[in-house]
Amino acid sequence: MSVLPDSLAGWLVVAVLLFWFVGAYNRLVRLRAAVLQAYAVLDVALRKQLDFVQASITAAPRPESPPEGAPTVAPLQAATTQLATLLGATRVRPLDPGSMAALATALQVLIAAWRRQYPGAVTVFDADGTLSRPAPLMPGLGGASDPAAPIAWPEPSAAAEIARGQFNQAVAQYNTGIAQFPALLVAWIVRLRPAAPLL
C-alpha cells in the first residue's frame, strides 16, 4: 500500500505542508542565529570587562604587610579566573541554559568581589547605554534576578550593558518563537531548546 497521495489535491497538501515546515524552520534558524550573534557581541564586551579588572589587579600596589582587615586582591583574582574559564565554556554552547546560569553566577561573583575591593568604582548603565542615576540606589546591583535590571560594571563603559540587553532580547524572541504553535512542532522535530538570558 502506497503512502504517497494519488490525487492532485493530496500533492498540494503535501507541498503546502512542506513549504510551511521549511518556512517555519528558516524563521527559527534566523532567531537562533540572532541569539548567537548577540552572544558574540556580549562575549567581546565581557572580555573587555575582564581585561579591565585584570589590568586593575596587575596595577594595584602590593604592600609588604597589608593592614589587618584590608581587602586583598586574591578573591578578585579568583573571580576573574573563574569568569574567564566559564566564558570559554559558554562560548562553545551559548544556548545552553546551564552554561548561561554558571556564567551569570561567575559574573555576579566577579562584580561582588570588585565592589568589595573598590567600593566606589562601579558604573551602572541602562540597557540603552545611558548612565543610571543614582547608581548606589539601584536595586539588585551585582546580583540582579531580573534581566532588565542593570548590572554595576567595573569598567566605565556602556558596551557590556547594551550587549547584555540585546542578548537577553534576542533570547526572549527566540524562546517565544520556539514556543508558538505550530512552530513548536518544528522546534521539537529539529530539537531546538529554549535558551537562557544573562541575569
N, C-alpha and C. Protein backbone atom coordinates (compact mmCIF):
# COMPACT_ATOMS: atom_id res chain seq x y z
N MET A 1 0.85 -1.19 0.00
CA MET A 1 0.00 0.00 0.00
C MET A 1 0.89 1.24 0.00
N SER A 2 0.66 2.17 -0.90
CA SER A 2 1.49 3.36 -1.06
C SER A 2 1.05 4.44 -0.08
N VAL A 3 2.05 5.15 0.50
CA VAL A 3 1.74 6.25 1.40
C VAL A 3 1.74 7.58 0.66
N LEU A 4 2.11 7.57 -0.63
CA LEU A 4 2.12 8.78 -1.42
C LEU A 4 0.69 9.11 -1.86
N PRO A 5 0.34 10.41 -1.91
CA PRO A 5 -1.02 10.77 -2.33
C PRO A 5 -1.23 10.44 -3.81
N ASP A 6 -2.47 10.01 -4.14
CA ASP A 6 -2.80 9.63 -5.51
C ASP A 6 -3.43 10.77 -6.29
N SER A 7 -3.88 11.82 -5.63
CA SER A 7 -4.58 12.88 -6.33
C SER A 7 -3.78 14.18 -6.29
N LEU A 8 -4.19 15.10 -7.15
CA LEU A 8 -3.56 16.41 -7.19
C LEU A 8 -3.78 17.15 -5.87
N ALA A 9 -4.96 17.01 -5.29
CA ALA A 9 -5.25 17.66 -4.00
C ALA A 9 -4.30 17.15 -2.92
N GLY A 10 -4.02 15.86 -2.93
CA GLY A 10 -3.10 15.28 -1.95
C GLY A 10 -1.70 15.84 -2.12
N TRP A 11 -1.25 15.97 -3.36
CA TRP A 11 0.07 16.54 -3.62
C TRP A 11 0.15 18.00 -3.20
N LEU A 12 -0.95 18.72 -3.41
CA LEU A 12 -0.99 20.13 -2.99
C LEU A 12 -0.88 20.25 -1.46
N VAL A 13 -1.55 19.38 -0.74
CA VAL A 13 -1.48 19.40 0.72
C VAL A 13 -0.05 19.10 1.17
N VAL A 14 0.58 18.10 0.55
CA VAL A 14 1.97 17.76 0.89
C VAL A 14 2.89 18.95 0.60
N ALA A 15 2.70 19.61 -0.55
CA ALA A 15 3.54 20.75 -0.92
C ALA A 15 3.36 21.91 0.07
N VAL A 16 2.09 22.18 0.43
CA VAL A 16 1.84 23.27 1.39
C VAL A 16 2.48 22.96 2.74
N LEU A 17 2.35 21.73 3.21
CA LEU A 17 2.96 21.34 4.49
C LEU A 17 4.49 21.45 4.42
N LEU A 18 5.05 21.03 3.31
CA LEU A 18 6.50 21.10 3.15
C LEU A 18 6.97 22.55 3.13
N PHE A 19 6.28 23.41 2.38
CA PHE A 19 6.66 24.83 2.35
C PHE A 19 6.49 25.47 3.72
N TRP A 20 5.41 25.11 4.43
CA TRP A 20 5.20 25.64 5.77
C TRP A 20 6.34 25.20 6.69
N PHE A 21 6.70 23.92 6.64
CA PHE A 21 7.76 23.41 7.50
C PHE A 21 9.08 24.14 7.22
N VAL A 22 9.42 24.27 5.95
CA VAL A 22 10.68 24.95 5.59
C VAL A 22 10.65 26.41 6.04
N GLY A 23 9.52 27.08 5.85
CA GLY A 23 9.41 28.48 6.27
C GLY A 23 9.53 28.63 7.78
N ALA A 24 8.84 27.77 8.53
CA ALA A 24 8.91 27.83 9.99
C ALA A 24 10.33 27.49 10.47
N TYR A 25 10.95 26.50 9.85
CA TYR A 25 12.31 26.13 10.22
C TYR A 25 13.28 27.29 9.96
N ASN A 26 13.16 27.93 8.80
CA ASN A 26 14.04 29.05 8.47
C ASN A 26 13.87 30.20 9.46
N ARG A 27 12.63 30.46 9.87
CA ARG A 27 12.39 31.53 10.85
C ARG A 27 13.06 31.20 12.17
N LEU A 28 12.92 29.97 12.63
CA LEU A 28 13.54 29.57 13.90
C LEU A 28 15.07 29.61 13.80
N VAL A 29 15.60 29.22 12.66
CA VAL A 29 17.06 29.28 12.48
C VAL A 29 17.54 30.73 12.51
N ARG A 30 16.77 31.64 11.91
CA ARG A 30 17.15 33.06 11.95
C ARG A 30 17.12 33.59 13.39
N LEU A 31 16.11 33.21 14.16
CA LEU A 31 16.04 33.63 15.56
C LEU A 31 17.21 33.07 16.36
N ARG A 32 17.55 31.82 16.09
CA ARG A 32 18.69 31.19 16.77
C ARG A 32 19.99 31.89 16.38
N ALA A 33 20.14 32.20 15.12
CA ALA A 33 21.34 32.90 14.65
C ALA A 33 21.45 34.28 15.28
N ALA A 34 20.31 34.95 15.50
CA ALA A 34 20.33 36.27 16.14
C ALA A 34 20.83 36.16 17.58
N VAL A 35 20.44 35.08 18.27
CA VAL A 35 20.93 34.86 19.64
C VAL A 35 22.44 34.63 19.61
N LEU A 36 22.91 33.80 18.70
CA LEU A 36 24.35 33.52 18.62
C LEU A 36 25.15 34.77 18.28
N GLN A 37 24.61 35.59 17.38
CA GLN A 37 25.29 36.83 17.01
C GLN A 37 25.32 37.79 18.20
N ALA A 38 24.20 37.90 18.91
CA ALA A 38 24.15 38.77 20.09
C ALA A 38 25.10 38.27 21.17
N TYR A 39 25.22 36.95 21.29
CA TYR A 39 26.16 36.42 22.29
C TYR A 39 27.61 36.74 21.91
N ALA A 40 27.93 36.72 20.64
CA ALA A 40 29.29 37.04 20.21
C ALA A 40 29.66 38.47 20.63
N VAL A 41 28.72 39.39 20.48
CA VAL A 41 28.95 40.78 20.89
C VAL A 41 29.08 40.87 22.41
N LEU A 42 28.21 40.14 23.12
CA LEU A 42 28.26 40.11 24.59
C LEU A 42 29.58 39.52 25.07
N ASP A 43 30.04 38.48 24.42
CA ASP A 43 31.30 37.83 24.80
C ASP A 43 32.46 38.83 24.71
N VAL A 44 32.50 39.60 23.64
CA VAL A 44 33.56 40.61 23.47
C VAL A 44 33.47 41.65 24.60
N ALA A 45 32.25 42.11 24.91
CA ALA A 45 32.08 43.11 25.97
C ALA A 45 32.47 42.56 27.33
N LEU A 46 32.14 41.30 27.60
CA LEU A 46 32.51 40.70 28.88
C LEU A 46 34.02 40.50 28.98
N ARG A 47 34.65 40.15 27.87
CA ARG A 47 36.12 40.01 27.89
C ARG A 47 36.79 41.36 28.15
N LYS A 48 36.21 42.44 27.64
CA LYS A 48 36.76 43.78 27.92
C LYS A 48 36.62 44.11 29.40
N GLN A 49 35.48 43.77 30.00
CA GLN A 49 35.32 43.97 31.44
C GLN A 49 36.36 43.16 32.21
N LEU A 50 36.55 41.92 31.79
CA LEU A 50 37.52 41.04 32.44
C LEU A 50 38.94 41.60 32.29
N ASP A 51 39.28 42.07 31.11
CA ASP A 51 40.60 42.67 30.88
C ASP A 51 40.80 43.90 31.76
N PHE A 52 39.75 44.71 31.92
CA PHE A 52 39.83 45.90 32.76
C PHE A 52 40.12 45.50 34.21
N VAL A 53 39.40 44.49 34.70
CA VAL A 53 39.60 44.05 36.09
C VAL A 53 41.00 43.46 36.26
N GLN A 54 41.44 42.64 35.30
CA GLN A 54 42.77 42.04 35.41
C GLN A 54 43.86 43.11 35.35
N ALA A 55 43.68 44.13 34.53
CA ALA A 55 44.66 45.23 34.47
C ALA A 55 44.67 45.99 35.79
N SER A 56 43.53 46.16 36.42
CA SER A 56 43.45 46.83 37.72
C SER A 56 44.17 46.02 38.79
N ILE A 57 44.02 44.70 38.73
CA ILE A 57 44.70 43.83 39.70
C ILE A 57 46.22 43.94 39.52
N THR A 58 46.66 43.91 38.28
CA THR A 58 48.09 43.99 37.98
C THR A 58 48.66 45.34 38.43
N ALA A 59 47.90 46.41 38.24
CA ALA A 59 48.38 47.75 38.58
C ALA A 59 48.25 48.08 40.06
N ALA A 60 47.51 47.26 40.82
CA ALA A 60 47.29 47.55 42.24
C ALA A 60 48.60 47.43 43.01
N PRO A 61 48.87 48.41 43.90
CA PRO A 61 50.09 48.30 44.71
C PRO A 61 49.98 47.13 45.68
N ARG A 62 51.09 46.46 45.90
CA ARG A 62 51.10 45.30 46.80
C ARG A 62 52.00 45.61 47.99
N PRO A 63 51.41 46.05 49.11
CA PRO A 63 52.23 46.35 50.27
C PRO A 63 52.87 45.08 50.84
N GLU A 64 54.04 45.26 51.46
CA GLU A 64 54.76 44.12 52.05
C GLU A 64 53.91 43.45 53.12
N SER A 65 53.33 44.26 54.00
CA SER A 65 52.46 43.70 55.04
C SER A 65 51.18 44.55 55.09
N PRO A 66 50.10 44.05 54.43
CA PRO A 66 48.87 44.83 54.42
C PRO A 66 48.29 44.96 55.82
N PRO A 67 47.61 46.08 56.10
CA PRO A 67 46.99 46.26 57.42
C PRO A 67 45.94 45.19 57.68
N GLU A 68 45.74 44.91 58.95
CA GLU A 68 44.74 43.92 59.36
C GLU A 68 43.36 44.33 58.85
N GLY A 69 42.66 43.42 58.20
CA GLY A 69 41.32 43.69 57.69
C GLY A 69 41.28 44.39 56.35
N ALA A 70 42.44 44.72 55.79
CA ALA A 70 42.46 45.38 54.47
C ALA A 70 42.07 44.38 53.40
N PRO A 71 41.29 44.82 52.38
CA PRO A 71 40.90 43.88 51.33
C PRO A 71 42.11 43.44 50.51
N THR A 72 42.13 42.17 50.14
CA THR A 72 43.20 41.66 49.29
C THR A 72 42.64 41.40 47.90
N VAL A 73 43.55 41.29 46.94
CA VAL A 73 43.09 41.07 45.57
C VAL A 73 42.86 39.59 45.27
N ALA A 74 43.15 38.71 46.22
CA ALA A 74 43.00 37.26 45.98
C ALA A 74 41.58 36.87 45.57
N PRO A 75 40.53 37.33 46.28
CA PRO A 75 39.17 36.96 45.84
C PRO A 75 38.85 37.49 44.45
N LEU A 76 39.31 38.70 44.16
CA LEU A 76 39.06 39.28 42.84
C LEU A 76 39.81 38.51 41.76
N GLN A 77 41.04 38.11 42.06
CA GLN A 77 41.82 37.31 41.10
C GLN A 77 41.15 35.96 40.85
N ALA A 78 40.66 35.32 41.93
CA ALA A 78 39.96 34.04 41.78
C ALA A 78 38.69 34.20 40.95
N ALA A 79 37.97 35.31 41.18
CA ALA A 79 36.73 35.55 40.43
C ALA A 79 37.02 35.79 38.95
N THR A 80 38.13 36.48 38.63
CA THR A 80 38.46 36.71 37.22
C THR A 80 38.85 35.39 36.54
N THR A 81 39.56 34.53 37.26
CA THR A 81 39.93 33.23 36.70
C THR A 81 38.69 32.39 36.42
N GLN A 82 37.75 32.39 37.39
CA GLN A 82 36.51 31.63 37.22
C GLN A 82 35.70 32.16 36.04
N LEU A 83 35.58 33.49 35.94
CA LEU A 83 34.80 34.06 34.84
C LEU A 83 35.46 33.77 33.49
N ALA A 84 36.78 33.87 33.43
CA ALA A 84 37.48 33.58 32.17
C ALA A 84 37.25 32.14 31.74
N THR A 85 37.29 31.22 32.70
CA THR A 85 37.05 29.80 32.39
C THR A 85 35.64 29.58 31.87
N LEU A 86 34.66 30.18 32.56
CA LEU A 86 33.27 29.99 32.16
C LEU A 86 32.93 30.71 30.86
N LEU A 87 33.60 31.82 30.59
CA LEU A 87 33.40 32.48 29.29
C LEU A 87 33.83 31.54 28.16
N GLY A 88 34.96 30.88 28.35
CA GLY A 88 35.43 29.92 27.35
C GLY A 88 34.46 28.77 27.15
N ALA A 89 33.91 28.26 28.25
CA ALA A 89 32.96 27.15 28.16
C ALA A 89 31.64 27.58 27.54
N THR A 90 31.16 28.78 27.89
CA THR A 90 29.88 29.26 27.36
C THR A 90 29.99 29.63 25.89
N ARG A 91 31.17 30.06 25.48
CA ARG A 91 31.40 30.41 24.08
C ARG A 91 31.10 29.21 23.17
N VAL A 92 31.36 28.01 23.66
CA VAL A 92 31.12 26.79 22.87
C VAL A 92 29.62 26.48 22.78
N ARG A 93 28.88 26.76 23.88
CA ARG A 93 27.44 26.44 23.92
C ARG A 93 26.65 27.59 24.53
N PRO A 94 26.53 28.71 23.82
CA PRO A 94 25.85 29.87 24.41
C PRO A 94 24.34 29.70 24.57
N LEU A 95 23.75 28.70 23.94
CA LEU A 95 22.32 28.49 24.08
C LEU A 95 21.97 27.53 25.22
N ASP A 96 22.97 26.97 25.87
CA ASP A 96 22.73 26.03 26.95
C ASP A 96 22.38 26.79 28.23
N PRO A 97 21.18 26.58 28.77
CA PRO A 97 20.78 27.31 29.98
C PRO A 97 21.71 27.07 31.17
N GLY A 98 22.24 25.86 31.31
CA GLY A 98 23.15 25.57 32.42
C GLY A 98 24.44 26.36 32.31
N SER A 99 24.98 26.44 31.10
CA SER A 99 26.20 27.23 30.89
C SER A 99 25.95 28.70 31.16
N MET A 100 24.80 29.20 30.72
CA MET A 100 24.49 30.62 30.93
C MET A 100 24.26 30.91 32.41
N ALA A 101 23.63 29.99 33.13
CA ALA A 101 23.42 30.18 34.57
C ALA A 101 24.77 30.21 35.31
N ALA A 102 25.69 29.33 34.92
CA ALA A 102 27.02 29.31 35.54
C ALA A 102 27.77 30.60 35.23
N LEU A 103 27.65 31.08 33.99
CA LEU A 103 28.31 32.33 33.61
C LEU A 103 27.73 33.50 34.40
N ALA A 104 26.41 33.53 34.57
CA ALA A 104 25.76 34.60 35.33
C ALA A 104 26.24 34.59 36.78
N THR A 105 26.36 33.42 37.37
CA THR A 105 26.85 33.32 38.74
C THR A 105 28.28 33.81 38.85
N ALA A 106 29.13 33.39 37.90
CA ALA A 106 30.53 33.83 37.91
C ALA A 106 30.64 35.34 37.74
N LEU A 107 29.78 35.91 36.90
CA LEU A 107 29.79 37.36 36.69
C LEU A 107 29.37 38.09 37.96
N GLN A 108 28.36 37.57 38.65
CA GLN A 108 27.91 38.18 39.89
C GLN A 108 29.00 38.10 40.97
N VAL A 109 29.72 36.97 41.01
CA VAL A 109 30.82 36.82 41.97
C VAL A 109 31.92 37.84 41.66
N LEU A 110 32.25 38.00 40.38
CA LEU A 110 33.28 38.96 39.99
C LEU A 110 32.87 40.38 40.40
N ILE A 111 31.63 40.74 40.11
CA ILE A 111 31.18 42.10 40.42
C ILE A 111 31.14 42.33 41.93
N ALA A 112 30.72 41.31 42.68
CA ALA A 112 30.72 41.44 44.14
C ALA A 112 32.15 41.60 44.67
N ALA A 113 33.09 40.82 44.13
CA ALA A 113 34.50 40.94 44.55
C ALA A 113 35.06 42.30 44.17
N TRP A 114 34.69 42.81 42.99
CA TRP A 114 35.15 44.13 42.56
C TRP A 114 34.62 45.22 43.51
N ARG A 115 33.35 45.11 43.87
CA ARG A 115 32.75 46.11 44.75
C ARG A 115 33.35 46.08 46.15
N ARG A 116 33.77 44.88 46.61
CA ARG A 116 34.45 44.81 47.90
C ARG A 116 35.83 45.46 47.82
N GLN A 117 36.51 45.23 46.71
CA GLN A 117 37.87 45.77 46.54
C GLN A 117 37.84 47.27 46.26
N TYR A 118 36.90 47.70 45.41
CA TYR A 118 36.80 49.11 45.00
C TYR A 118 35.35 49.56 45.20
N PRO A 119 34.95 49.87 46.43
CA PRO A 119 33.53 50.15 46.71
C PRO A 119 32.91 51.27 45.88
N GLY A 120 33.67 52.28 45.53
CA GLY A 120 33.08 53.39 44.79
C GLY A 120 33.30 53.33 43.29
N ALA A 121 33.95 52.28 42.80
CA ALA A 121 34.34 52.23 41.39
C ALA A 121 33.44 51.30 40.58
N VAL A 122 32.15 51.57 40.58
CA VAL A 122 31.23 50.82 39.73
C VAL A 122 30.40 51.81 38.93
N THR A 123 30.00 51.41 37.75
CA THR A 123 29.19 52.27 36.89
C THR A 123 27.98 51.48 36.43
N VAL A 124 26.81 52.08 36.55
CA VAL A 124 25.57 51.41 36.17
C VAL A 124 24.97 52.15 34.98
N PHE A 125 24.68 51.37 33.92
CA PHE A 125 24.05 51.92 32.72
C PHE A 125 22.71 51.25 32.50
N ASP A 126 21.80 51.98 31.88
CA ASP A 126 20.56 51.36 31.42
C ASP A 126 20.86 50.59 30.14
N ALA A 127 19.93 49.76 29.71
CA ALA A 127 20.16 48.91 28.53
C ALA A 127 20.38 49.72 27.26
N ASP A 128 19.93 50.98 27.23
CA ASP A 128 20.15 51.80 26.03
C ASP A 128 21.49 52.52 26.08
N GLY A 129 22.26 52.32 27.16
CA GLY A 129 23.58 52.91 27.25
C GLY A 129 23.64 54.18 28.05
N THR A 130 22.48 54.69 28.52
CA THR A 130 22.52 55.91 29.32
C THR A 130 22.93 55.57 30.75
N LEU A 131 23.60 56.49 31.39
CA LEU A 131 24.07 56.30 32.75
C LEU A 131 22.89 56.30 33.70
N SER A 132 22.81 55.28 34.55
CA SER A 132 21.74 55.21 35.54
C SER A 132 22.08 56.12 36.71
N ARG A 133 21.10 56.83 37.18
CA ARG A 133 21.29 57.69 38.35
C ARG A 133 20.12 57.49 39.29
N PRO A 134 20.34 57.48 40.58
CA PRO A 134 21.64 57.41 41.24
C PRO A 134 22.09 55.96 41.30
N ALA A 135 23.32 55.68 40.93
CA ALA A 135 23.82 54.32 40.84
C ALA A 135 23.73 53.55 42.15
N PRO A 136 24.10 54.12 43.32
CA PRO A 136 24.08 53.32 44.54
C PRO A 136 22.70 52.88 44.98
N LEU A 137 21.65 53.54 44.49
CA LEU A 137 20.30 53.22 44.93
C LEU A 137 19.60 52.21 44.03
N MET A 138 20.25 51.79 42.95
CA MET A 138 19.61 50.85 42.04
C MET A 138 19.43 49.51 42.73
N PRO A 139 18.24 48.87 42.64
CA PRO A 139 18.05 47.57 43.26
C PRO A 139 18.78 46.48 42.48
N GLY A 140 19.26 45.50 43.20
CA GLY A 140 19.83 44.32 42.56
C GLY A 140 21.20 44.50 41.97
N LEU A 141 21.97 45.49 42.39
CA LEU A 141 23.29 45.69 41.80
C LEU A 141 24.19 44.52 42.14
N GLY A 142 24.82 43.98 41.11
CA GLY A 142 25.77 42.90 41.33
C GLY A 142 25.10 41.55 41.53
N GLY A 143 23.79 41.48 41.62
CA GLY A 143 23.13 40.20 41.80
C GLY A 143 21.71 40.27 41.29
N ALA A 144 21.53 40.79 40.12
CA ALA A 144 20.19 41.01 39.58
C ALA A 144 19.52 39.70 39.24
N SER A 145 18.22 39.60 39.50
CA SER A 145 17.47 38.42 39.09
C SER A 145 16.53 38.77 37.94
N ASP A 146 16.39 40.03 37.65
CA ASP A 146 15.56 40.49 36.55
C ASP A 146 16.46 40.82 35.37
N PRO A 147 16.22 40.22 34.17
CA PRO A 147 17.11 40.50 33.05
C PRO A 147 17.13 41.97 32.65
N ALA A 148 16.11 42.73 33.05
CA ALA A 148 16.09 44.15 32.70
C ALA A 148 16.83 45.00 33.73
N ALA A 149 17.13 44.44 34.91
CA ALA A 149 17.83 45.20 35.94
C ALA A 149 19.27 45.41 35.53
N PRO A 150 19.76 46.65 35.62
CA PRO A 150 21.14 46.90 35.21
C PRO A 150 22.15 46.27 36.17
N ILE A 151 23.34 46.02 35.65
CA ILE A 151 24.44 45.47 36.44
C ILE A 151 25.43 46.59 36.69
N ALA A 152 26.05 46.59 37.86
CA ALA A 152 27.09 47.57 38.18
C ALA A 152 28.41 47.07 37.62
N TRP A 153 28.85 47.63 36.51
CA TRP A 153 30.03 47.14 35.81
C TRP A 153 31.31 47.79 36.34
N PRO A 154 32.40 47.03 36.41
CA PRO A 154 33.68 47.62 36.81
C PRO A 154 34.19 48.66 35.81
N GLU A 155 34.24 48.31 34.52
CA GLU A 155 34.74 49.24 33.52
C GLU A 155 33.67 50.28 33.22
N PRO A 156 34.02 51.57 33.25
CA PRO A 156 33.01 52.60 32.98
C PRO A 156 32.66 52.70 31.50
N SER A 157 32.03 51.67 30.98
CA SER A 157 31.61 51.64 29.58
C SER A 157 30.22 51.03 29.50
N ALA A 158 29.39 51.57 28.63
CA ALA A 158 28.02 51.06 28.48
C ALA A 158 27.95 49.83 27.59
N ALA A 159 29.05 49.47 26.94
CA ALA A 159 29.03 48.39 25.95
C ALA A 159 28.51 47.07 26.53
N ALA A 160 28.94 46.72 27.74
CA ALA A 160 28.53 45.43 28.32
C ALA A 160 27.04 45.41 28.61
N GLU A 161 26.51 46.50 29.15
CA GLU A 161 25.08 46.52 29.46
C GLU A 161 24.24 46.55 28.20
N ILE A 162 24.68 47.28 27.18
CA ILE A 162 23.96 47.29 25.90
C ILE A 162 23.97 45.89 25.29
N ALA A 163 25.14 45.24 25.29
CA ALA A 163 25.25 43.89 24.72
C ALA A 163 24.40 42.90 25.50
N ARG A 164 24.39 43.03 26.82
CA ARG A 164 23.57 42.12 27.64
C ARG A 164 22.09 42.32 27.34
N GLY A 165 21.66 43.58 27.20
CA GLY A 165 20.26 43.85 26.87
C GLY A 165 19.87 43.29 25.52
N GLN A 166 20.75 43.44 24.53
CA GLN A 166 20.46 42.91 23.19
C GLN A 166 20.44 41.38 23.19
N PHE A 167 21.34 40.77 23.94
CA PHE A 167 21.36 39.31 24.03
C PHE A 167 20.09 38.81 24.70
N ASN A 168 19.71 39.42 25.82
CA ASN A 168 18.50 38.99 26.53
C ASN A 168 17.25 39.17 25.67
N GLN A 169 17.22 40.25 24.88
CA GLN A 169 16.08 40.47 23.98
C GLN A 169 16.04 39.41 22.88
N ALA A 170 17.21 39.07 22.31
CA ALA A 170 17.27 38.03 21.28
C ALA A 170 16.85 36.68 21.85
N VAL A 171 17.25 36.39 23.08
CA VAL A 171 16.85 35.13 23.74
C VAL A 171 15.35 35.09 23.93
N ALA A 172 14.77 36.21 24.37
CA ALA A 172 13.30 36.25 24.58
C ALA A 172 12.56 36.02 23.27
N GLN A 173 13.02 36.62 22.18
CA GLN A 173 12.37 36.43 20.88
C GLN A 173 12.51 34.98 20.40
N TYR A 174 13.69 34.41 20.58
CA TYR A 174 13.92 33.01 20.18
C TYR A 174 13.02 32.07 21.00
N ASN A 175 12.99 32.27 22.32
CA ASN A 175 12.17 31.40 23.17
C ASN A 175 10.69 31.53 22.84
N THR A 176 10.24 32.75 22.52
CA THR A 176 8.85 32.95 22.11
C THR A 176 8.58 32.23 20.79
N GLY A 177 9.54 32.33 19.86
CA GLY A 177 9.38 31.70 18.55
C GLY A 177 9.25 30.19 18.63
N ILE A 178 10.07 29.55 19.47
CA ILE A 178 10.02 28.08 19.52
C ILE A 178 8.88 27.58 20.39
N ALA A 179 8.22 28.49 21.13
CA ALA A 179 7.09 28.07 21.98
C ALA A 179 5.75 28.28 21.30
N GLN A 180 5.70 28.99 20.17
CA GLN A 180 4.44 29.27 19.50
C GLN A 180 3.98 28.05 18.70
N PHE A 181 2.66 27.83 18.74
CA PHE A 181 2.09 26.75 17.92
C PHE A 181 1.76 27.34 16.56
N PRO A 182 2.06 26.69 15.49
CA PRO A 182 2.57 25.33 15.32
C PRO A 182 4.09 25.24 15.18
N ALA A 183 4.81 26.36 15.32
CA ALA A 183 6.27 26.32 15.16
C ALA A 183 6.92 25.44 16.22
N LEU A 184 6.26 25.25 17.36
CA LEU A 184 6.85 24.39 18.39
C LEU A 184 6.98 22.95 17.91
N LEU A 185 6.14 22.54 16.95
CA LEU A 185 6.29 21.20 16.37
C LEU A 185 7.59 21.10 15.59
N VAL A 186 7.91 22.14 14.83
CA VAL A 186 9.16 22.17 14.08
C VAL A 186 10.33 22.18 15.06
N ALA A 187 10.23 23.01 16.11
CA ALA A 187 11.30 23.08 17.11
C ALA A 187 11.51 21.72 17.77
N TRP A 188 10.42 21.00 18.04
CA TRP A 188 10.53 19.68 18.66
C TRP A 188 11.20 18.69 17.70
N ILE A 189 10.81 18.75 16.42
CA ILE A 189 11.36 17.82 15.43
C ILE A 189 12.86 18.03 15.25
N VAL A 190 13.28 19.29 15.17
CA VAL A 190 14.71 19.57 14.93
C VAL A 190 15.48 19.79 16.23
N ARG A 191 14.83 19.56 17.37
CA ARG A 191 15.44 19.60 18.70
C ARG A 191 16.01 20.97 19.07
N LEU A 192 15.25 22.01 18.84
CA LEU A 192 15.64 23.35 19.30
C LEU A 192 15.11 23.51 20.71
N ARG A 193 15.97 23.87 21.64
CA ARG A 193 15.61 24.01 23.04
C ARG A 193 15.66 25.49 23.44
N PRO A 194 14.89 25.87 24.48
CA PRO A 194 14.94 27.26 24.95
C PRO A 194 16.33 27.65 25.43
N ALA A 195 16.66 28.91 25.25
CA ALA A 195 17.92 29.46 25.74
C ALA A 195 17.63 30.23 27.03
N ALA A 196 18.69 30.69 27.70
CA ALA A 196 18.52 31.45 28.94
C ALA A 196 19.19 32.81 28.80
N PRO A 197 18.57 33.85 29.36
CA PRO A 197 19.19 35.17 29.34
C PRO A 197 20.34 35.24 30.35
N LEU A 198 21.13 36.28 30.24
CA LEU A 198 22.19 36.53 31.21
C LEU A 198 21.63 37.45 32.28
N LEU A 199 21.35 36.89 33.45
CA LEU A 199 20.75 37.66 34.54
C LEU A 199 21.81 38.37 35.36
